[in-house]
Amino acid sequence: MQKIKTMEELNQMVSEKELVLLYVSSPNCSVCMADKPRAIALANELAVPMVEANAVDASEIRGQFNLFTAPVIILFLEGREIYRAARIIDFNELRYRVNQVQEALR
């Protein structure tokens, strides 16, 4: 998983890859710490590139996507946001959305 800090880095990643997961977390956030390994495992299992942004360091990303809480997972398809989950992340729903997109791309 690649760590990013700027919109430029995020834009480059989503333009290079067809499907990308963005995970935004905050320091000292117990939910973020608990969800991060689950997000990484899901991304690895489904072979989806994943990038991580720290909400404190990536204020540009936070502002661009109106992120007021953490953690947040955003799924991008061909550079466009197609799914977002914040605070309470339903990993079954995320898995379903990724599978749905991957099936459509085949």
N, C-alpha and C. Protein backbone atom coordinates (compact mmCIF):
# COMPACT_ATOMS: atom_id res chain seq x y z
N MET A 1 0.84 -1.17 0.00
CA MET A 1 0.00 0.00 0.00
C MET A 1 0.89 1.24 0.00
N GLN A 2 0.58 2.13 -0.89
CA GLN A 2 1.35 3.36 -1.05
C GLN A 2 0.72 4.46 -0.19
N LYS A 3 1.56 5.26 0.48
CA LYS A 3 1.09 6.40 1.26
C LYS A 3 1.21 7.66 0.40
N ILE A 4 0.16 8.47 0.44
CA ILE A 4 0.14 9.70 -0.34
C ILE A 4 -0.20 10.88 0.55
N LYS A 5 0.15 12.09 0.07
CA LYS A 5 -0.13 13.31 0.83
C LYS A 5 -0.82 14.39 0.01
N THR A 6 -0.78 14.27 -1.31
CA THR A 6 -1.32 15.34 -2.15
C THR A 6 -2.35 14.82 -3.14
N MET A 7 -3.15 15.76 -3.64
CA MET A 7 -4.12 15.41 -4.67
C MET A 7 -3.41 14.98 -5.94
N GLU A 8 -2.26 15.56 -6.21
CA GLU A 8 -1.50 15.20 -7.40
C GLU A 8 -1.12 13.72 -7.36
N GLU A 9 -0.66 13.25 -6.22
CA GLU A 9 -0.31 11.84 -6.08
C GLU A 9 -1.53 10.95 -6.25
N LEU A 10 -2.66 11.37 -5.67
CA LEU A 10 -3.89 10.59 -5.81
C LEU A 10 -4.37 10.59 -7.25
N ASN A 11 -4.37 11.74 -7.88
CA ASN A 11 -4.81 11.82 -9.28
C ASN A 11 -3.95 10.95 -10.19
N GLN A 12 -2.65 10.93 -9.93
CA GLN A 12 -1.76 10.10 -10.73
C GLN A 12 -2.12 8.62 -10.57
N MET A 13 -2.35 8.22 -9.33
CA MET A 13 -2.67 6.81 -9.05
C MET A 13 -3.99 6.40 -9.71
N VAL A 14 -5.03 7.22 -9.56
CA VAL A 14 -6.33 6.83 -10.12
C VAL A 14 -6.34 6.93 -11.65
N SER A 15 -5.45 7.72 -12.21
CA SER A 15 -5.39 7.77 -13.68
C SER A 15 -4.62 6.59 -14.26
N GLU A 16 -3.69 6.03 -13.47
CA GLU A 16 -2.89 4.90 -13.94
C GLU A 16 -3.61 3.56 -13.77
N LYS A 17 -4.44 3.46 -12.77
CA LYS A 17 -5.11 2.20 -12.43
C LYS A 17 -6.60 2.30 -12.72
N GLU A 18 -7.18 1.21 -13.14
CA GLU A 18 -8.61 1.20 -13.44
C GLU A 18 -9.44 1.29 -12.17
N LEU A 19 -8.99 0.60 -11.14
CA LEU A 19 -9.72 0.53 -9.88
C LEU A 19 -8.75 0.82 -8.74
N VAL A 20 -9.12 1.73 -7.83
CA VAL A 20 -8.24 2.11 -6.72
C VAL A 20 -9.07 2.32 -5.46
N LEU A 21 -8.55 1.85 -4.33
CA LEU A 21 -9.14 2.12 -3.02
C LEU A 21 -8.30 3.18 -2.31
N LEU A 22 -8.95 4.20 -1.79
CA LEU A 22 -8.28 5.21 -0.97
C LEU A 22 -8.74 5.01 0.46
N TYR A 23 -7.78 4.88 1.38
CA TYR A 23 -8.08 4.74 2.81
C TYR A 23 -7.53 5.97 3.52
N VAL A 24 -8.41 6.74 4.14
CA VAL A 24 -8.00 7.94 4.87
C VAL A 24 -8.20 7.68 6.35
N SER A 25 -7.12 7.84 7.11
CA SER A 25 -7.19 7.60 8.55
C SER A 25 -6.63 8.79 9.30
N SER A 26 -6.84 8.77 10.59
CA SER A 26 -6.38 9.85 11.45
C SER A 26 -5.52 9.26 12.57
N PRO A 27 -4.48 9.97 12.98
CA PRO A 27 -3.66 9.45 14.08
C PRO A 27 -4.49 9.35 15.36
N ASN A 28 -4.16 8.41 16.19
CA ASN A 28 -4.83 8.19 17.47
C ASN A 28 -6.31 7.84 17.33
N CYS A 29 -6.69 7.32 16.20
CA CYS A 29 -8.08 6.90 15.94
C CYS A 29 -8.14 5.38 16.08
N SER A 30 -8.81 4.92 17.12
CA SER A 30 -8.85 3.47 17.37
C SER A 30 -9.62 2.73 16.28
N VAL A 31 -10.66 3.34 15.75
CA VAL A 31 -11.43 2.70 14.66
C VAL A 31 -10.55 2.59 13.42
N CYS A 32 -9.77 3.63 13.15
CA CYS A 32 -8.87 3.62 11.99
C CYS A 32 -7.85 2.49 12.12
N MET A 33 -7.30 2.34 13.31
CA MET A 33 -6.30 1.28 13.55
C MET A 33 -6.92 -0.11 13.41
N ALA A 34 -8.17 -0.25 13.83
CA ALA A 34 -8.84 -1.55 13.73
C ALA A 34 -9.24 -1.88 12.29
N ASP A 35 -9.65 -0.86 11.54
CA ASP A 35 -10.13 -1.10 10.17
C ASP A 35 -9.02 -1.22 9.14
N LYS A 36 -7.88 -0.61 9.41
CA LYS A 36 -6.80 -0.61 8.42
C LYS A 36 -6.36 -2.01 8.01
N PRO A 37 -6.09 -2.94 8.95
CA PRO A 37 -5.70 -4.29 8.52
C PRO A 37 -6.79 -5.00 7.72
N ARG A 38 -8.04 -4.75 8.06
CA ARG A 38 -9.15 -5.35 7.31
C ARG A 38 -9.21 -4.79 5.89
N ALA A 39 -8.98 -3.50 5.76
CA ALA A 39 -8.99 -2.87 4.43
C ALA A 39 -7.84 -3.40 3.58
N ILE A 40 -6.66 -3.51 4.19
CA ILE A 40 -5.49 -4.03 3.46
C ILE A 40 -5.74 -5.47 3.02
N ALA A 41 -6.26 -6.29 3.92
CA ALA A 41 -6.53 -7.69 3.59
C ALA A 41 -7.54 -7.80 2.45
N LEU A 42 -8.57 -6.98 2.49
CA LEU A 42 -9.59 -7.01 1.43
C LEU A 42 -8.99 -6.58 0.09
N ALA A 43 -8.20 -5.51 0.12
CA ALA A 43 -7.57 -5.03 -1.11
C ALA A 43 -6.64 -6.09 -1.69
N ASN A 44 -5.87 -6.74 -0.83
CA ASN A 44 -4.97 -7.80 -1.30
C ASN A 44 -5.75 -8.99 -1.84
N GLU A 45 -6.78 -9.38 -1.14
CA GLU A 45 -7.60 -10.53 -1.56
C GLU A 45 -8.25 -10.29 -2.92
N LEU A 46 -8.74 -9.07 -3.14
CA LEU A 46 -9.44 -8.76 -4.37
C LEU A 46 -8.54 -8.14 -5.44
N ALA A 47 -7.25 -8.04 -5.14
CA ALA A 47 -6.25 -7.50 -6.07
C ALA A 47 -6.61 -6.09 -6.55
N VAL A 48 -6.93 -5.24 -5.58
CA VAL A 48 -7.25 -3.85 -5.87
C VAL A 48 -6.13 -2.98 -5.30
N PRO A 49 -5.53 -2.12 -6.11
CA PRO A 49 -4.50 -1.23 -5.59
C PRO A 49 -5.10 -0.31 -4.52
N MET A 50 -4.35 -0.12 -3.44
CA MET A 50 -4.84 0.70 -2.33
C MET A 50 -3.80 1.74 -1.96
N VAL A 51 -4.27 2.96 -1.71
CA VAL A 51 -3.41 4.04 -1.24
C VAL A 51 -3.96 4.53 0.09
N GLU A 52 -3.06 5.04 0.92
CA GLU A 52 -3.45 5.54 2.23
C GLU A 52 -3.06 6.99 2.37
N ALA A 53 -3.95 7.77 2.98
CA ALA A 53 -3.66 9.17 3.28
C ALA A 53 -3.94 9.40 4.76
N ASN A 54 -3.04 10.12 5.40
CA ASN A 54 -3.24 10.52 6.77
C ASN A 54 -4.05 11.82 6.74
N ALA A 55 -5.16 11.86 7.44
CA ALA A 55 -6.06 13.01 7.39
C ALA A 55 -5.37 14.31 7.83
N VAL A 56 -4.41 14.21 8.72
CA VAL A 56 -3.71 15.40 9.19
C VAL A 56 -2.73 15.91 8.14
N ASP A 57 -1.98 15.01 7.53
CA ASP A 57 -0.96 15.39 6.54
C ASP A 57 -1.55 15.72 5.17
N ALA A 58 -2.70 15.17 4.86
CA ALA A 58 -3.28 15.31 3.51
C ALA A 58 -4.49 16.24 3.53
N SER A 59 -4.28 17.46 3.99
CA SER A 59 -5.40 18.40 4.11
C SER A 59 -6.03 18.72 2.75
N GLU A 60 -5.22 18.69 1.70
CA GLU A 60 -5.73 18.95 0.35
C GLU A 60 -6.74 17.86 -0.06
N ILE A 61 -6.42 16.62 0.22
CA ILE A 61 -7.32 15.50 -0.09
C ILE A 61 -8.57 15.60 0.77
N ARG A 62 -8.38 15.89 2.05
CA ARG A 62 -9.50 16.04 2.97
C ARG A 62 -10.47 17.11 2.47
N GLY A 63 -9.92 18.23 2.04
CA GLY A 63 -10.77 19.31 1.55
C GLY A 63 -11.45 19.00 0.23
N GLN A 64 -10.72 18.39 -0.68
CA GLN A 64 -11.26 18.07 -2.00
C GLN A 64 -12.46 17.11 -1.92
N PHE A 65 -12.40 16.17 -0.97
CA PHE A 65 -13.46 15.17 -0.86
C PHE A 65 -14.40 15.42 0.31
N ASN A 66 -14.30 16.59 0.95
CA ASN A 66 -15.17 16.95 2.08
C ASN A 66 -15.17 15.87 3.16
N LEU A 67 -13.99 15.50 3.60
CA LEU A 67 -13.85 14.46 4.61
C LEU A 67 -13.79 15.11 5.99
N PHE A 68 -14.79 14.85 6.82
CA PHE A 68 -14.87 15.45 8.14
C PHE A 68 -14.71 14.44 9.26
N THR A 69 -14.50 13.19 8.92
CA THR A 69 -14.35 12.13 9.91
C THR A 69 -13.33 11.12 9.39
N ALA A 70 -13.01 10.16 10.22
CA ALA A 70 -12.11 9.09 9.81
C ALA A 70 -12.54 7.82 10.53
N PRO A 71 -12.29 6.69 9.96
CA PRO A 71 -11.71 6.42 8.66
C PRO A 71 -12.73 6.59 7.53
N VAL A 72 -12.17 6.76 6.34
CA VAL A 72 -12.98 6.86 5.13
C VAL A 72 -12.34 5.97 4.07
N ILE A 73 -13.16 5.21 3.37
CA ILE A 73 -12.70 4.42 2.22
C ILE A 73 -13.46 4.91 1.00
N ILE A 74 -12.72 5.24 -0.05
CA ILE A 74 -13.34 5.67 -1.30
C ILE A 74 -12.84 4.74 -2.41
N LEU A 75 -13.77 4.21 -3.18
CA LEU A 75 -13.45 3.35 -4.31
C LEU A 75 -13.57 4.17 -5.59
N PHE A 76 -12.50 4.15 -6.38
CA PHE A 76 -12.46 4.87 -7.65
C PHE A 76 -12.47 3.87 -8.80
N LEU A 77 -13.25 4.17 -9.82
CA LEU A 77 -13.25 3.41 -11.06
C LEU A 77 -12.96 4.38 -12.19
N GLU A 78 -11.87 4.13 -12.89
CA GLU A 78 -11.46 4.97 -14.01
C GLU A 78 -11.43 6.44 -13.62
N GLY A 79 -10.90 6.73 -12.42
CA GLY A 79 -10.72 8.09 -11.97
C GLY A 79 -11.92 8.75 -11.32
N ARG A 80 -13.04 8.03 -11.24
CA ARG A 80 -14.26 8.61 -10.67
C ARG A 80 -14.64 7.86 -9.40
N GLU A 81 -15.09 8.61 -8.41
CA GLU A 81 -15.55 8.01 -7.17
C GLU A 81 -16.86 7.27 -7.42
N ILE A 82 -16.90 5.99 -7.02
CA ILE A 82 -18.14 5.23 -7.21
C ILE A 82 -18.71 4.70 -5.90
N TYR A 83 -17.92 4.72 -4.83
CA TYR A 83 -18.41 4.26 -3.53
C TYR A 83 -17.61 4.92 -2.43
N ARG A 84 -18.30 5.25 -1.34
CA ARG A 84 -17.64 5.87 -0.19
C ARG A 84 -18.28 5.33 1.09
N ALA A 85 -17.43 5.02 2.05
CA ALA A 85 -17.89 4.60 3.38
C ALA A 85 -17.06 5.37 4.41
N ALA A 86 -17.74 5.88 5.43
CA ALA A 86 -17.04 6.66 6.45
C ALA A 86 -17.46 6.19 7.85
N ARG A 87 -16.51 6.30 8.76
CA ARG A 87 -16.68 6.00 10.18
C ARG A 87 -16.97 4.53 10.42
N ILE A 88 -18.16 4.08 10.11
CA ILE A 88 -18.52 2.67 10.26
C ILE A 88 -18.47 2.05 8.86
N ILE A 89 -17.41 1.30 8.58
CA ILE A 89 -17.22 0.74 7.24
C ILE A 89 -17.78 -0.68 7.20
N ASP A 90 -18.71 -0.88 6.29
CA ASP A 90 -19.29 -2.20 6.08
C ASP A 90 -18.43 -2.93 5.04
N PHE A 91 -17.56 -3.80 5.52
CA PHE A 91 -16.63 -4.47 4.61
C PHE A 91 -17.32 -5.47 3.70
N ASN A 92 -18.47 -5.99 4.10
CA ASN A 92 -19.23 -6.87 3.22
C ASN A 92 -19.78 -6.07 2.03
N GLU A 93 -20.27 -4.87 2.31
CA GLU A 93 -20.76 -4.00 1.24
C GLU A 93 -19.62 -3.59 0.31
N LEU A 94 -18.48 -3.25 0.89
CA LEU A 94 -17.31 -2.89 0.09
C LEU A 94 -16.89 -4.05 -0.80
N ARG A 95 -16.83 -5.25 -0.24
CA ARG A 95 -16.48 -6.44 -1.03
C ARG A 95 -17.48 -6.63 -2.18
N TYR A 96 -18.77 -6.47 -1.88
CA TYR A 96 -19.81 -6.61 -2.90
C TYR A 96 -19.60 -5.60 -4.03
N ARG A 97 -19.31 -4.34 -3.67
CA ARG A 97 -19.12 -3.29 -4.68
C ARG A 97 -17.91 -3.58 -5.56
N VAL A 98 -16.82 -3.99 -4.94
CA VAL A 98 -15.60 -4.29 -5.71
C VAL A 98 -15.86 -5.49 -6.63
N ASN A 99 -16.47 -6.53 -6.11
CA ASN A 99 -16.80 -7.70 -6.94
C ASN A 99 -17.70 -7.32 -8.10
N GLN A 100 -18.68 -6.48 -7.83
CA GLN A 100 -19.60 -6.04 -8.86
C GLN A 100 -18.87 -5.30 -9.99
N VAL A 101 -17.97 -4.43 -9.63
CA VAL A 101 -17.19 -3.69 -10.62
C VAL A 101 -16.25 -4.62 -11.39
N GLN A 102 -15.58 -5.51 -10.66
CA GLN A 102 -14.65 -6.42 -11.33
C GLN A 102 -15.38 -7.33 -12.30
N GLU A 103 -16.57 -7.79 -11.95
CA GLU A 103 -17.36 -8.62 -12.87
C GLU A 103 -17.75 -7.83 -14.13
N ALA A 104 -18.12 -6.58 -13.95
CA ALA A 104 -18.51 -5.74 -15.08
C ALA A 104 -17.34 -5.45 -16.00
N LEU A 105 -16.13 -5.41 -15.44
CA LEU A 105 -14.93 -5.11 -16.24
C LEU A 105 -14.43 -6.31 -17.03
N ARG A 106 -14.87 -7.50 -16.69
CA ARG A 106 -14.40 -8.71 -17.40
C ARG A 106 -15.01 -8.86 -18.75
